[in-house]
Amino acid sequence: MKTQKRDKTSTLFNRGFQAGLSGKSRDDCPVKVIELRTHWMSGWRQGREAHWNGMTGVSAIQAHPALH
């Protein structure tokens, strides 16, 4: 059976969101390609916002529609 690969941009967004949610610095972004880095940074910004709003772990992920 074939496995369906996730879109790379959504994967980068999700990883950025997780990094932002856990309080990591945006300087920790592992992506060097500018076109792809923007997706990680967008996720990071939204993750930081969730972190500042007191959301943690599963509650933050469930509250974020792009992560479903």
PDB file of N, CA and C in Angstrom:
ATOM      1  N   MET A   1       0.839  -1.170   0.000  1.00  0.00           N
ATOM      2  CA  MET A   1       0.000   0.000   0.000  1.00  0.00           C
ATOM      3  C   MET A   1       0.888   1.240   0.000  1.00  0.00           C
ATOM      4  N   LYS A   2       0.530   2.194  -0.824  1.00  0.00           N
ATOM      5  CA  LYS A   2       1.290   3.436  -0.878  1.00  0.00           C
ATOM      6  C   LYS A   2       0.941   4.328   0.303  1.00  0.00           C
ATOM      7  N   THR A   3       1.954   5.020   0.791  1.00  0.00           N
ATOM      8  CA  THR A   3       1.681   6.002   1.841  1.00  0.00           C
ATOM      9  C   THR A   3       1.665   7.376   1.205  1.00  0.00           C
ATOM     10  N   GLN A   4       0.772   8.188   1.659  1.00  0.00           N
ATOM     11  CA  GLN A   4       0.647   9.525   1.106  1.00  0.00           C
ATOM     12  C   GLN A   4       1.593  10.462   1.841  1.00  0.00           C
ATOM     13  N   LYS A   5       2.437  11.151   1.085  1.00  0.00           N
ATOM     14  CA  LYS A   5       3.359  12.091   1.694  1.00  0.00           C
ATOM     15  C   LYS A   5       2.653  13.409   1.944  1.00  0.00           C
ATOM     16  N   ARG A   6       2.998  14.024   3.054  1.00  0.00           N
ATOM     17  CA  ARG A   6       2.438  15.333   3.349  1.00  0.00           C
ATOM     18  C   ARG A   6       3.127  16.379   2.501  1.00  0.00           C
ATOM     19  N   ASP A   7       2.413  17.415   2.229  1.00  0.00           N
ATOM     20  CA  ASP A   7       2.968  18.553   1.534  1.00  0.00           C
ATOM     21  C   ASP A   7       4.106  19.138   2.378  1.00  0.00           C
ATOM     22  N   LYS A   8       5.240  19.407   1.773  1.00  0.00           N
ATOM     23  CA  LYS A   8       6.403  19.886   2.509  1.00  0.00           C
ATOM     24  C   LYS A   8       6.122  21.212   3.219  1.00  0.00           C
ATOM     25  N   THR A   9       5.324  22.068   2.594  1.00  0.00           N
ATOM     26  CA  THR A   9       5.033  23.363   3.219  1.00  0.00           C
ATOM     27  C   THR A   9       4.226  23.194   4.498  1.00  0.00           C
ATOM     28  N   SER A  10       3.262  22.274   4.505  1.00  0.00           N
ATOM     29  CA  SER A  10       2.470  22.075   5.725  1.00  0.00           C
ATOM     30  C   SER A  10       3.313  21.421   6.812  1.00  0.00           C
ATOM     31  N   THR A  11       4.229  20.548   6.414  1.00  0.00           N
ATOM     32  CA  THR A  11       5.127  19.930   7.388  1.00  0.00           C
ATOM     33  C   THR A  11       6.015  20.989   8.034  1.00  0.00           C
ATOM     34  N   LEU A  12       6.549  21.898   7.214  1.00  0.00           N
ATOM     35  CA  LEU A  12       7.393  22.965   7.755  1.00  0.00           C
ATOM     36  C   LEU A  12       6.589  23.884   8.674  1.00  0.00           C
ATOM     37  N   PHE A  13       5.369  24.202   8.276  1.00  0.00           N
ATOM     38  CA  PHE A  13       4.513  25.035   9.118  1.00  0.00           C
ATOM     39  C   PHE A  13       4.282  24.360  10.466  1.00  0.00           C
ATOM     40  N   ASN A  14       3.949  23.077  10.442  1.00  0.00           N
ATOM     41  CA  ASN A  14       3.682  22.338  11.676  1.00  0.00           C
ATOM     42  C   ASN A  14       4.910  22.287  12.580  1.00  0.00           C
ATOM     43  N   ARG A  15       6.078  22.065  11.990  1.00  0.00           N
ATOM     44  CA  ARG A  15       7.308  22.033  12.791  1.00  0.00           C
ATOM     45  C   ARG A  15       7.630  23.406  13.376  1.00  0.00           C
ATOM     46  N   GLY A  16       7.377  24.455  12.608  1.00  0.00           N
ATOM     47  CA  GLY A  16       7.575  25.804  13.122  1.00  0.00           C
ATOM     48  C   GLY A  16       6.608  26.112  14.250  1.00  0.00           C
ATOM     49  N   PHE A  17       5.364  25.668  14.089  1.00  0.00           N
ATOM     50  CA  PHE A  17       4.361  25.871  15.134  1.00  0.00           C
ATOM     51  C   PHE A  17       4.796  25.187  16.425  1.00  0.00           C
ATOM     52  N   GLN A  18       5.256  23.965  16.315  1.00  0.00           N
ATOM     53  CA  GLN A  18       5.712  23.223  17.496  1.00  0.00           C
ATOM     54  C   GLN A  18       6.898  23.922  18.162  1.00  0.00           C
ATOM     55  N   ALA A  19       7.808  24.447  17.344  1.00  0.00           N
ATOM     56  CA  ALA A  19       8.969  25.156  17.896  1.00  0.00           C
ATOM     57  C   ALA A  19       8.532  26.427  18.617  1.00  0.00           C
ATOM     58  N   GLY A  20       7.627  27.171  18.010  1.00  0.00           N
ATOM     59  CA  GLY A  20       7.128  28.395  18.643  1.00  0.00           C
ATOM     60  C   GLY A  20       6.353  28.102  19.912  1.00  0.00           C
ATOM     61  N   LEU A  21       5.571  27.050  19.881  1.00  0.00           N
ATOM     62  CA  LEU A  21       4.773  26.661  21.033  1.00  0.00           C
ATOM     63  C   LEU A  21       5.657  26.266  22.215  1.00  0.00           C
ATOM     64  N   SER A  22       6.789  25.667  21.911  1.00  0.00           N
ATOM     65  CA  SER A  22       7.686  25.246  22.987  1.00  0.00           C
ATOM     66  C   SER A  22       8.638  26.349  23.424  1.00  0.00           C
ATOM     67  N   GLY A  23       8.494  27.539  22.831  1.00  0.00           N
ATOM     68  CA  GLY A  23       9.278  28.690  23.274  1.00  0.00           C
ATOM     69  C   GLY A  23      10.645  28.822  22.629  1.00  0.00           C
ATOM     70  N   LYS A  24      10.890  28.073  21.568  1.00  0.00           N
ATOM     71  CA  LYS A  24      12.185  28.158  20.897  1.00  0.00           C
ATOM     72  C   LYS A  24      12.312  29.471  20.129  1.00  0.00           C
ATOM     73  N   SER A  25      13.545  29.877  19.932  1.00  0.00           N
ATOM     74  CA  SER A  25      13.840  31.101  19.199  1.00  0.00           C
ATOM     75  C   SER A  25      13.636  30.895  17.705  1.00  0.00           C
ATOM     76  N   ARG A  26      13.279  31.959  17.013  1.00  0.00           N
ATOM     77  CA  ARG A  26      13.148  31.848  15.561  1.00  0.00           C
ATOM     78  C   ARG A  26      14.502  31.614  14.902  1.00  0.00           C
ATOM     79  N   ASP A  27      15.567  31.910  15.614  1.00  0.00           N
ATOM     80  CA  ASP A  27      16.912  31.646  15.103  1.00  0.00           C
ATOM     81  C   ASP A  27      17.189  30.149  15.004  1.00  0.00           C
ATOM     82  N   ASP A  28      16.335  29.326  15.601  1.00  0.00           N
ATOM     83  CA  ASP A  28      16.488  27.869  15.548  1.00  0.00           C
ATOM     84  C   ASP A  28      15.932  27.263  14.260  1.00  0.00           C
ATOM     85  N   CYS A  29      15.436  28.107  13.366  1.00  0.00           N
ATOM     86  CA  CYS A  29      14.864  27.608  12.114  1.00  0.00           C
ATOM     87  C   CYS A  29      15.923  26.843  11.322  1.00  0.00           C
ATOM     88  N   PRO A  30      15.651  25.577  10.999  1.00  0.00           N
ATOM     89  CA  PRO A  30      16.641  24.764  10.290  1.00  0.00           C
ATOM     90  C   PRO A  30      16.631  24.955   8.772  1.00  0.00           C
ATOM     91  N   VAL A  31      15.665  25.718   8.251  1.00  0.00           N
ATOM     92  CA  VAL A  31      15.483  25.846   6.806  1.00  0.00           C
ATOM     93  C   VAL A  31      16.283  27.031   6.267  1.00  0.00           C
ATOM     94  N   LYS A  32      17.046  26.780   5.219  1.00  0.00           N
ATOM     95  CA  LYS A  32      17.875  27.832   4.613  1.00  0.00           C
ATOM     96  C   LYS A  32      17.254  28.421   3.354  1.00  0.00           C
ATOM     97  N   VAL A  33      16.422  27.659   2.665  1.00  0.00           N
ATOM     98  CA  VAL A  33      15.791  28.114   1.429  1.00  0.00           C
ATOM     99  C   VAL A  33      14.688  29.116   1.785  1.00  0.00           C
ATOM    100  N   ILE A  34      14.834  30.338   1.293  1.00  0.00           N
ATOM    101  CA  ILE A  34      13.916  31.429   1.666  1.00  0.00           C
ATOM    102  C   ILE A  34      12.455  31.077   1.400  1.00  0.00           C
ATOM    103  N   GLU A  35      12.161  30.489   0.246  1.00  0.00           N
ATOM    104  CA  GLU A  35      10.767  30.175  -0.113  1.00  0.00           C
ATOM    105  C   GLU A  35      10.139  29.191   0.877  1.00  0.00           C
ATOM    106  N   LEU A  36      10.939  28.282   1.423  1.00  0.00           N
ATOM    107  CA  LEU A  36      10.427  27.309   2.385  1.00  0.00           C
ATOM    108  C   LEU A  36      10.500  27.836   3.814  1.00  0.00           C
ATOM    109  N   ARG A  37      11.469  28.676   4.080  1.00  0.00           N
ATOM    110  CA  ARG A  37      11.652  29.243   5.421  1.00  0.00           C
ATOM    111  C   ARG A  37      10.425  30.032   5.860  1.00  0.00           C
ATOM    112  N   THR A  38       9.757  30.687   4.916  1.00  0.00           N
ATOM    113  CA  THR A  38       8.583  31.486   5.264  1.00  0.00           C
ATOM    114  C   THR A  38       7.479  30.631   5.883  1.00  0.00           C
ATOM    115  N   HIS A  39       7.352  29.394   5.447  1.00  0.00           N
ATOM    116  CA  HIS A  39       6.323  28.507   6.003  1.00  0.00           C
ATOM    117  C   HIS A  39       6.651  28.142   7.451  1.00  0.00           C
ATOM    118  N   TRP A  40       7.923  27.849   7.718  1.00  0.00           N
ATOM    119  CA  TRP A  40       8.351  27.533   9.080  1.00  0.00           C
ATOM    120  C   TRP A  40       8.136  28.747   9.983  1.00  0.00           C
ATOM    121  N   MET A  41       8.504  29.924   9.478  1.00  0.00           N
ATOM    122  CA  MET A  41       8.374  31.149  10.271  1.00  0.00           C
ATOM    123  C   MET A  41       6.903  31.484  10.551  1.00  0.00           C
ATOM    124  N   SER A  42       6.038  31.257   9.598  1.00  0.00           N
ATOM    125  CA  SER A  42       4.604  31.490   9.822  1.00  0.00           C
ATOM    126  C   SER A  42       4.077  30.587  10.929  1.00  0.00           C
ATOM    127  N   GLY A  43       4.468  29.330  10.872  1.00  0.00           N
ATOM    128  CA  GLY A  43       4.067  28.400  11.928  1.00  0.00           C
ATOM    129  C   GLY A  43       4.641  28.801  13.266  1.00  0.00           C
ATOM    130  N   TRP A  44       5.907  29.237  13.264  1.00  0.00           N
ATOM    131  CA  TRP A  44       6.573  29.660  14.498  1.00  0.00           C
ATOM    132  C   TRP A  44       5.825  30.839  15.123  1.00  0.00           C
ATOM    133  N   ARG A  45       5.456  31.822  14.294  1.00  0.00           N
ATOM    134  CA  ARG A  45       4.729  32.999  14.812  1.00  0.00           C
ATOM    135  C   ARG A  45       3.407  32.595  15.462  1.00  0.00           C
ATOM    136  N   GLN A  46       2.675  31.729  14.802  1.00  0.00           N
ATOM    137  CA  GLN A  46       1.392  31.292  15.366  1.00  0.00           C
ATOM    138  C   GLN A  46       1.596  30.443  16.614  1.00  0.00           C
ATOM    139  N   GLY A  47       2.662  29.662  16.632  1.00  0.00           N
ATOM    140  CA  GLY A  47       2.977  28.874  17.824  1.00  0.00           C
ATOM    141  C   GLY A  47       3.348  29.761  19.003  1.00  0.00           C
ATOM    142  N   ARG A  48       4.111  30.823  18.736  1.00  0.00           N
ATOM    143  CA  ARG A  48       4.478  31.764  19.804  1.00  0.00           C
ATOM    144  C   ARG A  48       3.228  32.464  20.335  1.00  0.00           C
ATOM    145  N   GLU A  49       2.327  32.831  19.430  1.00  0.00           N
ATOM    146  CA  GLU A  49       1.084  33.473  19.861  1.00  0.00           C
ATOM    147  C   GLU A  49       0.280  32.533  20.756  1.00  0.00           C
ATOM    148  N   ALA A  50       0.198  31.271  20.381  1.00  0.00           N
ATOM    149  CA  ALA A  50      -0.509  30.279  21.207  1.00  0.00           C
ATOM    150  C   ALA A  50       0.191  30.133  22.556  1.00  0.00           C
ATOM    151  N   HIS A  51       1.515  30.150  22.543  1.00  0.00           N
ATOM    152  CA  HIS A  51       2.295  30.046  23.779  1.00  0.00           C
ATOM    153  C   HIS A  51       2.005  31.242  24.692  1.00  0.00           C
ATOM    154  N   TRP A  52       1.999  32.435  24.122  1.00  0.00           N
ATOM    155  CA  TRP A  52       1.729  33.643  24.907  1.00  0.00           C
ATOM    156  C   TRP A  52       0.304  33.668  25.450  1.00  0.00           C
ATOM    157  N   ASN A  53      -0.611  33.026  24.721  1.00  0.00           N
ATOM    158  CA  ASN A  53      -2.002  32.968  25.171  1.00  0.00           C
ATOM    159  C   ASN A  53      -2.233  31.855  26.190  1.00  0.00           C
ATOM    160  N   GLY A  54      -1.164  31.181  26.563  1.00  0.00           N
ATOM    161  CA  GLY A  54      -1.260  30.161  27.605  1.00  0.00           C
ATOM    162  C   GLY A  54      -1.626  28.780  27.121  1.00  0.00           C
ATOM    163  N   MET A  55      -1.689  28.599  25.815  1.00  0.00           N
ATOM    164  CA  MET A  55      -2.007  27.270  25.296  1.00  0.00           C
ATOM    165  C   MET A  55      -0.749  26.418  25.318  1.00  0.00           C
ATOM    166  N   THR A  56      -0.918  25.168  25.665  1.00  0.00           N
ATOM    167  CA  THR A  56       0.216  24.249  25.668  1.00  0.00           C
ATOM    168  C   THR A  56      -0.216  22.903  25.121  1.00  0.00           C
ATOM    169  N   GLY A  57       0.732  22.180  24.580  1.00  0.00           N
ATOM    170  CA  GLY A  57       0.523  20.806  24.154  1.00  0.00           C
ATOM    171  C   GLY A  57      -0.670  20.583  23.260  1.00  0.00           C
ATOM    172  N   VAL A  58      -1.469  19.589  23.604  1.00  0.00           N
ATOM    173  CA  VAL A  58      -2.585  19.154  22.783  1.00  0.00           C
ATOM    174  C   VAL A  58      -3.640  20.244  22.639  1.00  0.00           C
ATOM    175  N   SER A  59      -3.873  21.038  23.674  1.00  0.00           N
ATOM    176  CA  SER A  59      -4.900  22.082  23.580  1.00  0.00           C
ATOM    177  C   SER A  59      -4.560  23.098  22.499  1.00  0.00           C
ATOM    178  N   ALA A  60      -3.287  23.420  22.341  1.00  0.00           N
ATOM    179  CA  ALA A  60      -2.878  24.371  21.310  1.00  0.00           C
ATOM    180  C   ALA A  60      -3.033  23.756  19.927  1.00  0.00           C
ATOM    181  N   ILE A  61      -2.684  22.495  19.801  1.00  0.00           N
ATOM    182  CA  ILE A  61      -2.774  21.824  18.508  1.00  0.00           C
ATOM    183  C   ILE A  61      -4.241  21.673  18.103  1.00  0.00           C
ATOM    184  N   GLN A  62      -5.082  21.326  19.053  1.00  0.00           N
ATOM    185  CA  GLN A  62      -6.514  21.166  18.749  1.00  0.00           C
ATOM    186  C   GLN A  62      -7.164  22.487  18.393  1.00  0.00           C
ATOM    187  N   ALA A  63      -6.688  23.576  18.971  1.00  0.00           N
ATOM    188  CA  ALA A  63      -7.263  24.883  18.709  1.00  0.00           C
ATOM    189  C   ALA A  63      -6.820  25.448  17.363  1.00  0.00           C
ATOM    190  N   HIS A  64      -5.792  24.870  16.774  1.00  0.00           N
ATOM    191  CA  HIS A  64      -5.250  25.388  15.524  1.00  0.00           C
ATOM    192  C   HIS A  64      -5.780  24.575  14.351  1.00  0.00           C
ATOM    193  N   PRO A  65      -6.615  25.175  13.494  1.00  0.00           N
ATOM    194  CA  PRO A  65      -7.249  24.423  12.403  1.00  0.00           C
ATOM    195  C   PRO A  65      -6.277  23.902  11.349  1.00  0.00           C
ATOM    196  N   ALA A  66      -5.139  24.559  11.135  1.00  0.00           N
ATOM    197  CA  ALA A  66      -4.193  24.119  10.105  1.00  0.00           C
ATOM    198  C   ALA A  66      -3.461  22.844  10.507  1.00  0.00           C
ATOM    199  N   LEU A  67      -3.510  22.477  11.764  1.00  0.00           N
ATOM    200  CA  LEU A  67      -2.773  21.314  12.241  1.00  0.00           C
ATOM    201  C   LEU A  67      -3.620  20.059  12.287  1.00  0.00           C
ATOM    202  N   HIS A  68      -4.817  20.097  11.775  1.00  0.00           N
ATOM    203  CA  HIS A  68      -5.693  18.912  11.805  1.00  0.00           C
ATOM    204  C   HIS A  68      -5.522  18.095  10.559  1.00  0.00           C
TER     205      HIS A  68
END
